[in-house]
Amino acid sequence: MAFIARLRSLSGGKPVGFKLAIGHPWEWFAIVKAMLESGERPDFIVVDGAKGEPARRRWSLSIVWGTVNRSRHAGA
């Protein structure tokens, strides 16, 4: 949380936050504990709990759209 305080002072008081990719509940609780112990809180937190969804989405869309995997057809 000291980094949040430093960013806030360097930015002249602009809102400061971070993105947190949540995989397990204890990760969120660790952040909350750090905020409570330090007394420093971000202005915003973006929580990403999709567990890698964008990578899977590209694969699934390639199936739906019928995109060809060129590495398989390189010798054809």
PDB file of N, CA and C in Angstrom:
ATOM      1  N   MET A   1       0.815  -1.190   0.000  1.00  0.00           N
ATOM      2  CA  MET A   1       0.000   0.000   0.000  1.00  0.00           C
ATOM      3  C   MET A   1       0.865   1.262   0.000  1.00  0.00           C
ATOM      4  N   ALA A   2       2.122   1.107   0.368  1.00  0.00           N
ATOM      5  CA  ALA A   2       3.031   2.262   0.322  1.00  0.00           C
ATOM      6  C   ALA A   2       3.197   2.743  -1.115  1.00  0.00           C
ATOM      7  N   PHE A   3       3.138   1.817  -2.070  1.00  0.00           N
ATOM      8  CA  PHE A   3       3.255   2.179  -3.474  1.00  0.00           C
ATOM      9  C   PHE A   3       2.063   3.028  -3.907  1.00  0.00           C
ATOM     10  N   ILE A   4       0.876   2.702  -3.411  1.00  0.00           N
ATOM     11  CA  ILE A   4      -0.336   3.487  -3.708  1.00  0.00           C
ATOM     12  C   ILE A   4      -0.161   4.909  -3.192  1.00  0.00           C
ATOM     13  N   ALA A   5       0.338   5.041  -1.966  1.00  0.00           N
ATOM     14  CA  ALA A   5       0.548   6.372  -1.384  1.00  0.00           C
ATOM     15  C   ALA A   5       1.576   7.161  -2.189  1.00  0.00           C
ATOM     16  N   ARG A   6       2.626   6.497  -2.620  1.00  0.00           N
ATOM     17  CA  ARG A   6       3.655   7.182  -3.417  1.00  0.00           C
ATOM     18  C   ARG A   6       3.105   7.631  -4.766  1.00  0.00           C
ATOM     19  N   LEU A   7       2.374   6.775  -5.423  1.00  0.00           N
ATOM     20  CA  LEU A   7       1.769   7.154  -6.704  1.00  0.00           C
ATOM     21  C   LEU A   7       0.823   8.344  -6.545  1.00  0.00           C
ATOM     22  N   ARG A   8       0.039   8.316  -5.482  1.00  0.00           N
ATOM     23  CA  ARG A   8      -0.908   9.407  -5.242  1.00  0.00           C
ATOM     24  C   ARG A   8      -0.166  10.729  -5.041  1.00  0.00           C
ATOM     25  N   SER A   9       0.937  10.716  -4.293  1.00  0.00           N
ATOM     26  CA  SER A   9       1.691  11.958  -4.068  1.00  0.00           C
ATOM     27  C   SER A   9       2.386  12.420  -5.348  1.00  0.00           C
ATOM     28  N   LEU A  10       2.901  11.475  -6.135  1.00  0.00           N
ATOM     29  CA  LEU A  10       3.567  11.839  -7.390  1.00  0.00           C
ATOM     30  C   LEU A  10       2.592  12.336  -8.449  1.00  0.00           C
ATOM     31  N   SER A  11       1.352  11.876  -8.394  1.00  0.00           N
ATOM     32  CA  SER A  11       0.368  12.275  -9.401  1.00  0.00           C
ATOM     33  C   SER A  11      -0.356  13.563  -9.032  1.00  0.00           C
ATOM     34  N   GLY A  12      -0.027  14.136  -7.901  1.00  0.00           N
ATOM     35  CA  GLY A  12      -0.684  15.374  -7.491  1.00  0.00           C
ATOM     36  C   GLY A  12      -2.096  15.158  -6.972  1.00  0.00           C
ATOM     37  N   GLY A  13      -2.367  13.980  -6.458  1.00  0.00           N
ATOM     38  CA  GLY A  13      -3.674  13.702  -5.868  1.00  0.00           C
ATOM     39  C   GLY A  13      -4.683  13.083  -6.825  1.00  0.00           C
ATOM     40  N   LYS A  14      -4.250  12.715  -8.023  1.00  0.00           N
ATOM     41  CA  LYS A  14      -5.172  12.061  -8.961  1.00  0.00           C
ATOM     42  C   LYS A  14      -5.560  10.687  -8.408  1.00  0.00           C
ATOM     43  N   PRO A  15      -6.723  10.179  -8.822  1.00  0.00           N
ATOM     44  CA  PRO A  15      -7.142   8.857  -8.343  1.00  0.00           C
ATOM     45  C   PRO A  15      -6.126   7.772  -8.713  1.00  0.00           C
ATOM     46  N   VAL A  16      -5.855   6.906  -7.773  1.00  0.00           N
ATOM     47  CA  VAL A  16      -4.887   5.827  -7.958  1.00  0.00           C
ATOM     48  C   VAL A  16      -5.553   4.507  -7.597  1.00  0.00           C
ATOM     49  N   GLY A  17      -5.342   3.502  -8.449  1.00  0.00           N
ATOM     50  CA  GLY A  17      -5.907   2.194  -8.183  1.00  0.00           C
ATOM     51  C   GLY A  17      -5.096   1.128  -8.877  1.00  0.00           C
ATOM     52  N   PHE A  18      -5.631  -0.085  -8.868  1.00  0.00           N
ATOM     53  CA  PHE A  18      -4.927  -1.178  -9.507  1.00  0.00           C
ATOM     54  C   PHE A  18      -5.919  -2.240  -9.960  1.00  0.00           C
ATOM     55  N   LYS A  19      -5.435  -3.119 -10.840  1.00  0.00           N
ATOM     56  CA  LYS A  19      -6.224  -4.252 -11.300  1.00  0.00           C
ATOM     57  C   LYS A  19      -5.745  -5.476 -10.542  1.00  0.00           C
ATOM     58  N   LEU A  20      -6.678  -6.247 -10.044  1.00  0.00           N
ATOM     59  CA  LEU A  20      -6.374  -7.428  -9.261  1.00  0.00           C
ATOM     60  C   LEU A  20      -7.034  -8.632  -9.919  1.00  0.00           C
ATOM     61  N   ALA A  21      -6.215  -9.555 -10.392  1.00  0.00           N
ATOM     62  CA  ALA A  21      -6.736 -10.790 -10.982  1.00  0.00           C
ATOM     63  C   ALA A  21      -6.936 -11.798  -9.859  1.00  0.00           C
ATOM     64  N   ILE A  22      -8.174 -12.059  -9.548  1.00  0.00           N
ATOM     65  CA  ILE A  22      -8.514 -12.944  -8.429  1.00  0.00           C
ATOM     66  C   ILE A  22      -8.623 -14.381  -8.911  1.00  0.00           C
ATOM     67  N   GLY A  23      -7.847 -15.251  -8.308  1.00  0.00           N
ATOM     68  CA  GLY A  23      -7.948 -16.667  -8.591  1.00  0.00           C
ATOM     69  C   GLY A  23      -8.466 -17.427  -7.380  1.00  0.00           C
ATOM     70  N   HIS A  24      -8.175 -16.885  -6.190  1.00  0.00           N
ATOM     71  CA  HIS A  24      -8.572 -17.520  -4.928  1.00  0.00           C
ATOM     72  C   HIS A  24      -9.067 -16.435  -3.979  1.00  0.00           C
ATOM     73  N   PRO A  25     -10.049 -16.735  -3.153  1.00  0.00           N
ATOM     74  CA  PRO A  25     -10.575 -15.738  -2.210  1.00  0.00           C
ATOM     75  C   PRO A  25      -9.514 -15.154  -1.279  1.00  0.00           C
ATOM     76  N   TRP A  26      -8.521 -15.958  -0.887  1.00  0.00           N
ATOM     77  CA  TRP A  26      -7.513 -15.463   0.051  1.00  0.00           C
ATOM     78  C   TRP A  26      -6.692 -14.329  -0.550  1.00  0.00           C
ATOM     79  N   GLU A  27      -6.610 -14.239  -1.875  1.00  0.00           N
ATOM     80  CA  GLU A  27      -5.871 -13.124  -2.502  1.00  0.00           C
ATOM     81  C   GLU A  27      -6.564 -11.802  -2.214  1.00  0.00           C
ATOM     82  N   TRP A  28      -7.888 -11.793  -2.286  1.00  0.00           N
ATOM     83  CA  TRP A  28      -8.640 -10.580  -1.966  1.00  0.00           C
ATOM     84  C   TRP A  28      -8.508 -10.244  -0.482  1.00  0.00           C
ATOM     85  N   PHE A  29      -8.602 -11.251   0.372  1.00  0.00           N
ATOM     86  CA  PHE A  29      -8.504 -11.000   1.805  1.00  0.00           C
ATOM     87  C   PHE A  29      -7.122 -10.462   2.187  1.00  0.00           C
ATOM     88  N   ALA A  30      -6.080 -10.894   1.498  1.00  0.00           N
ATOM     89  CA  ALA A  30      -4.732 -10.382   1.763  1.00  0.00           C
ATOM     90  C   ALA A  30      -4.633  -8.888   1.414  1.00  0.00           C
ATOM     91  N   ILE A  31      -5.254  -8.483   0.323  1.00  0.00           N
ATOM     92  CA  ILE A  31      -5.255  -7.064  -0.057  1.00  0.00           C
ATOM     93  C   ILE A  31      -6.023  -6.243   0.972  1.00  0.00           C
ATOM     94  N   VAL A  32      -7.186  -6.736   1.386  1.00  0.00           N
ATOM     95  CA  VAL A  32      -7.984  -6.024   2.386  1.00  0.00           C
ATOM     96  C   VAL A  32      -7.220  -5.903   3.699  1.00  0.00           C
ATOM     97  N   LYS A  33      -6.549  -6.967   4.094  1.00  0.00           N
ATOM     98  CA  LYS A  33      -5.762  -6.932   5.331  1.00  0.00           C
ATOM     99  C   LYS A  33      -4.660  -5.873   5.241  1.00  0.00           C
ATOM    100  N   ALA A  34      -3.986  -5.807   4.097  1.00  0.00           N
ATOM    101  CA  ALA A  34      -2.933  -4.804   3.913  1.00  0.00           C
ATOM    102  C   ALA A  34      -3.514  -3.388   3.981  1.00  0.00           C
ATOM    103  N   MET A  35      -4.699  -3.187   3.412  1.00  0.00           N
ATOM    104  CA  MET A  35      -5.328  -1.857   3.472  1.00  0.00           C
ATOM    105  C   MET A  35      -5.689  -1.487   4.907  1.00  0.00           C
ATOM    106  N   LEU A  36      -6.222  -2.436   5.651  1.00  0.00           N
ATOM    107  CA  LEU A  36      -6.607  -2.161   7.037  1.00  0.00           C
ATOM    108  C   LEU A  36      -5.395  -1.884   7.917  1.00  0.00           C
ATOM    109  N   GLU A  37      -4.323  -2.663   7.721  1.00  0.00           N
ATOM    110  CA  GLU A  37      -3.132  -2.484   8.548  1.00  0.00           C
ATOM    111  C   GLU A  37      -2.401  -1.179   8.240  1.00  0.00           C
ATOM    112  N   SER A  38      -2.364  -0.791   6.984  1.00  0.00           N
ATOM    113  CA  SER A  38      -1.620   0.415   6.599  1.00  0.00           C
ATOM    114  C   SER A  38      -2.454   1.683   6.713  1.00  0.00           C
ATOM    115  N   GLY A  39      -3.771   1.543   6.616  1.00  0.00           N
ATOM    116  CA  GLY A  39      -4.625   2.724   6.614  1.00  0.00           C
ATOM    117  C   GLY A  39      -4.677   3.398   5.244  1.00  0.00           C
ATOM    118  N   GLU A  40      -3.948   2.892   4.299  1.00  0.00           N
ATOM    119  CA  GLU A  40      -3.914   3.441   2.930  1.00  0.00           C
ATOM    120  C   GLU A  40      -4.843   2.629   2.051  1.00  0.00           C
ATOM    121  N   ARG A  41      -5.671   3.324   1.281  1.00  0.00           N
ATOM    122  CA  ARG A  41      -6.621   2.646   0.409  1.00  0.00           C
ATOM    123  C   ARG A  41      -6.558   3.237  -0.990  1.00  0.00           C
ATOM    124  N   PRO A  42      -6.650   2.382  -2.013  1.00  0.00           N
ATOM    125  CA  PRO A  42      -6.706   2.903  -3.379  1.00  0.00           C
ATOM    126  C   PRO A  42      -8.054   3.566  -3.626  1.00  0.00           C
ATOM    127  N   ASP A  43      -8.106   4.405  -4.633  1.00  0.00           N
ATOM    128  CA  ASP A  43      -9.367   5.053  -4.988  1.00  0.00           C
ATOM    129  C   ASP A  43     -10.277   4.096  -5.753  1.00  0.00           C
ATOM    130  N   PHE A  44      -9.681   3.145  -6.433  1.00  0.00           N
ATOM    131  CA  PHE A  44     -10.470   2.151  -7.151  1.00  0.00           C
ATOM    132  C   PHE A  44      -9.677   0.854  -7.272  1.00  0.00           C
ATOM    133  N   ILE A  45     -10.414  -0.244  -7.408  1.00  0.00           N
ATOM    134  CA  ILE A  45      -9.819  -1.556  -7.650  1.00  0.00           C
ATOM    135  C   ILE A  45     -10.639  -2.206  -8.754  1.00  0.00           C
ATOM    136  N   VAL A  46      -9.972  -2.639  -9.802  1.00  0.00           N
ATOM    137  CA  VAL A  46     -10.625  -3.378 -10.876  1.00  0.00           C
ATOM    138  C   VAL A  46     -10.362  -4.853 -10.599  1.00  0.00           C
ATOM    139  N   VAL A  47     -11.438  -5.609 -10.404  1.00  0.00           N
ATOM    140  CA  VAL A  47     -11.306  -7.025 -10.073  1.00  0.00           C
ATOM    141  C   VAL A  47     -11.558  -7.851 -11.328  1.00  0.00           C
ATOM    142  N   ASP A  48     -10.586  -8.694 -11.676  1.00  0.00           N
ATOM    143  CA  ASP A  48     -10.691  -9.584 -12.829  1.00  0.00           C
ATOM    144  C   ASP A  48     -10.710 -11.007 -12.308  1.00  0.00           C
ATOM    145  N   GLY A  49     -11.833 -11.665 -12.423  1.00  0.00           N
ATOM    146  CA  GLY A  49     -11.946 -13.022 -11.937  1.00  0.00           C
ATOM    147  C   GLY A  49     -12.294 -14.004 -13.029  1.00  0.00           C
ATOM    148  N   ALA A  50     -11.966 -13.679 -14.292  1.00  0.00           N
ATOM    149  CA  ALA A  50     -12.375 -14.500 -15.424  1.00  0.00           C
ATOM    150  C   ALA A  50     -11.520 -15.748 -15.605  1.00  0.00           C
ATOM    151  N   LYS A  51     -10.407 -15.867 -14.923  1.00  0.00           N
ATOM    152  CA  LYS A  51      -9.520 -17.031 -14.988  1.00  0.00           C
ATOM    153  C   LYS A  51      -9.069 -17.340 -16.418  1.00  0.00           C
ATOM    154  N   GLY A  52      -8.552 -16.344 -17.090  1.00  0.00           N
ATOM    155  CA  GLY A  52      -7.984 -16.563 -18.413  1.00  0.00           C
ATOM    156  C   GLY A  52      -8.986 -16.601 -19.542  1.00  0.00           C
ATOM    157  N   GLU A  53     -10.135 -16.046 -19.371  1.00  0.00           N
ATOM    158  CA  GLU A  53     -11.187 -16.104 -20.381  1.00  0.00           C
ATOM    159  C   GLU A  53     -10.773 -15.562 -21.749  1.00  0.00           C
ATOM    160  N   PRO A  54     -10.046 -14.454 -21.868  1.00  0.00           N
ATOM    161  CA  PRO A  54      -9.704 -13.976 -23.211  1.00  0.00           C
ATOM    162  C   PRO A  54      -8.928 -14.997 -24.040  1.00  0.00           C
ATOM    163  N   ALA A  55      -8.037 -15.747 -23.443  1.00  0.00           N
ATOM    164  CA  ALA A  55      -7.289 -16.745 -24.194  1.00  0.00           C
ATOM    165  C   ALA A  55      -8.210 -17.860 -24.673  1.00  0.00           C
ATOM    166  N   ARG A  56      -9.108 -18.298 -23.849  1.00  0.00           N
ATOM    167  CA  ARG A  56     -10.052 -19.342 -24.261  1.00  0.00           C
ATOM    168  C   ARG A  56     -11.026 -18.819 -25.295  1.00  0.00           C
ATOM    169  N   ARG A  57     -11.408 -17.547 -25.168  1.00  0.00           N
ATOM    170  CA  ARG A  57     -12.368 -16.983 -26.102  1.00  0.00           C
ATOM    171  C   ARG A  57     -11.798 -16.998 -27.519  1.00  0.00           C
ATOM    172  N   ARG A  58     -10.525 -16.659 -27.683  1.00  0.00           N
ATOM    173  CA  ARG A  58      -9.931 -16.682 -29.014  1.00  0.00           C
ATOM    174  C   ARG A  58     -10.008 -18.079 -29.609  1.00  0.00           C
ATOM    175  N   TRP A  59      -9.722 -19.106 -28.804  1.00  0.00           N
ATOM    176  CA  TRP A  59      -9.760 -20.473 -29.282  1.00  0.00           C
ATOM    177  C   TRP A  59     -11.182 -20.868 -29.667  1.00  0.00           C
ATOM    178  N   SER A  60     -12.136 -20.557 -28.797  1.00  0.00           N
ATOM    179  CA  SER A  60     -13.514 -20.958 -29.078  1.00  0.00           C
ATOM    180  C   SER A  60     -14.068 -20.204 -30.279  1.00  0.00           C
ATOM    181  N   LEU A  61     -13.705 -18.947 -30.460  1.00  0.00           N
ATOM    182  CA  LEU A  61     -14.168 -18.205 -31.627  1.00  0.00           C
ATOM    183  C   LEU A  61     -13.553 -18.752 -32.898  1.00  0.00           C
ATOM    184  N   SER A  62     -12.323 -19.243 -32.831  1.00  0.00           N
ATOM    185  CA  SER A  62     -11.716 -19.827 -34.024  1.00  0.00           C
ATOM    186  C   SER A  62     -12.476 -21.079 -34.449  1.00  0.00           C
ATOM    187  N   ILE A  63     -13.031 -21.805 -33.489  1.00  0.00           N
ATOM    188  CA  ILE A  63     -13.839 -22.986 -33.808  1.00  0.00           C
ATOM    189  C   ILE A  63     -15.143 -22.531 -34.483  1.00  0.00           C
ATOM    190  N   VAL A  64     -15.787 -21.515 -33.886  1.00  0.00           N
ATOM    191  CA  VAL A  64     -17.066 -21.029 -34.406  1.00  0.00           C
ATOM    192  C   VAL A  64     -16.890 -20.405 -35.784  1.00  0.00           C
ATOM    193  N   TRP A  65     -15.844 -19.599 -35.957  1.00  0.00           N
ATOM    194  CA  TRP A  65     -15.637 -18.899 -37.227  1.00  0.00           C
ATOM    195  C   TRP A  65     -14.950 -19.769 -38.270  1.00  0.00           C
ATOM    196  N   GLY A  66     -14.451 -20.924 -37.874  1.00  0.00           N
ATOM    197  CA  GLY A  66     -13.797 -21.808 -38.817  1.00  0.00           C
ATOM    198  C   GLY A  66     -12.428 -21.328 -39.252  1.00  0.00           C
ATOM    199  N   THR A  67     -11.726 -20.631 -38.388  1.00  0.00           N
ATOM    200  CA  THR A  67     -10.392 -20.154 -38.709  1.00  0.00           C
ATOM    201  C   THR A  67      -9.443 -21.342 -38.843  1.00  0.00           C
ATOM    202  N   VAL A  68      -8.637 -21.335 -39.866  1.00  0.00           N
ATOM    203  CA  VAL A  68      -7.713 -22.429 -40.118  1.00  0.00           C
ATOM    204  C   VAL A  68      -6.427 -22.196 -39.342  1.00  0.00           C
ATOM    205  N   ASN A  69      -5.928 -23.258 -38.723  1.00  0.00           N
ATOM    206  CA  ASN A  69      -4.630 -23.212 -38.058  1.00  0.00           C
ATOM    207  C   ASN A  69      -3.573 -23.431 -39.140  1.00  0.00           C
ATOM    208  N   ARG A  70      -2.906 -22.363 -39.573  1.00  0.00           N
ATOM    209  CA  ARG A  70      -1.981 -22.423 -40.702  1.00  0.00           C
ATOM    210  C   ARG A  70      -0.783 -23.330 -40.435  1.00  0.00           C
ATOM    211  N   SER A  71      -0.406 -23.510 -39.170  1.00  0.00           N
ATOM    212  CA  SER A  71       0.760 -24.356 -38.888  1.00  0.00           C
ATOM    213  C   SER A  71       0.495 -25.810 -39.286  1.00  0.00           C
ATOM    214  N   ARG A  72      -0.733 -26.272 -39.272  1.00  0.00           N
ATOM    215  CA  ARG A  72      -1.060 -27.651 -39.670  1.00  0.00           C
ATOM    216  C   ARG A  72      -1.039 -27.834 -41.186  1.00  0.00           C
ATOM    217  N   HIS A  73      -1.290 -26.749 -41.908  1.00  0.00           N
ATOM    218  CA  HIS A  73      -1.399 -26.837 -43.352  1.00  0.00           C
ATOM    219  C   HIS A  73      -0.215 -26.217 -44.069  1.00  0.00           C
ATOM    220  N   ALA A  74       0.894 -26.048 -43.387  1.00  0.00           N
ATOM    221  CA  ALA A  74       2.047 -25.388 -43.988  1.00  0.00           C
ATOM    222  C   ALA A  74       2.624 -26.189 -45.156  1.00  0.00           C
ATOM    223  N   GLY A  75       2.577 -27.513 -45.078  1.00  0.00           N
ATOM    224  CA  GLY A  75       3.170 -28.340 -46.146  1.00  0.00           C
ATOM    225  C   GLY A  75       2.199 -28.690 -47.243  1.00  0.00           C
ATOM    226  N   ALA A  76       0.954 -28.326 -47.100  1.00  0.00           N
ATOM    227  CA  ALA A  76      -0.068 -28.730 -48.083  1.00  0.00           C
ATOM    228  C   ALA A  76      -0.076 -27.874 -49.317  1.00  0.00           C
TER     229      ALA A  76
END
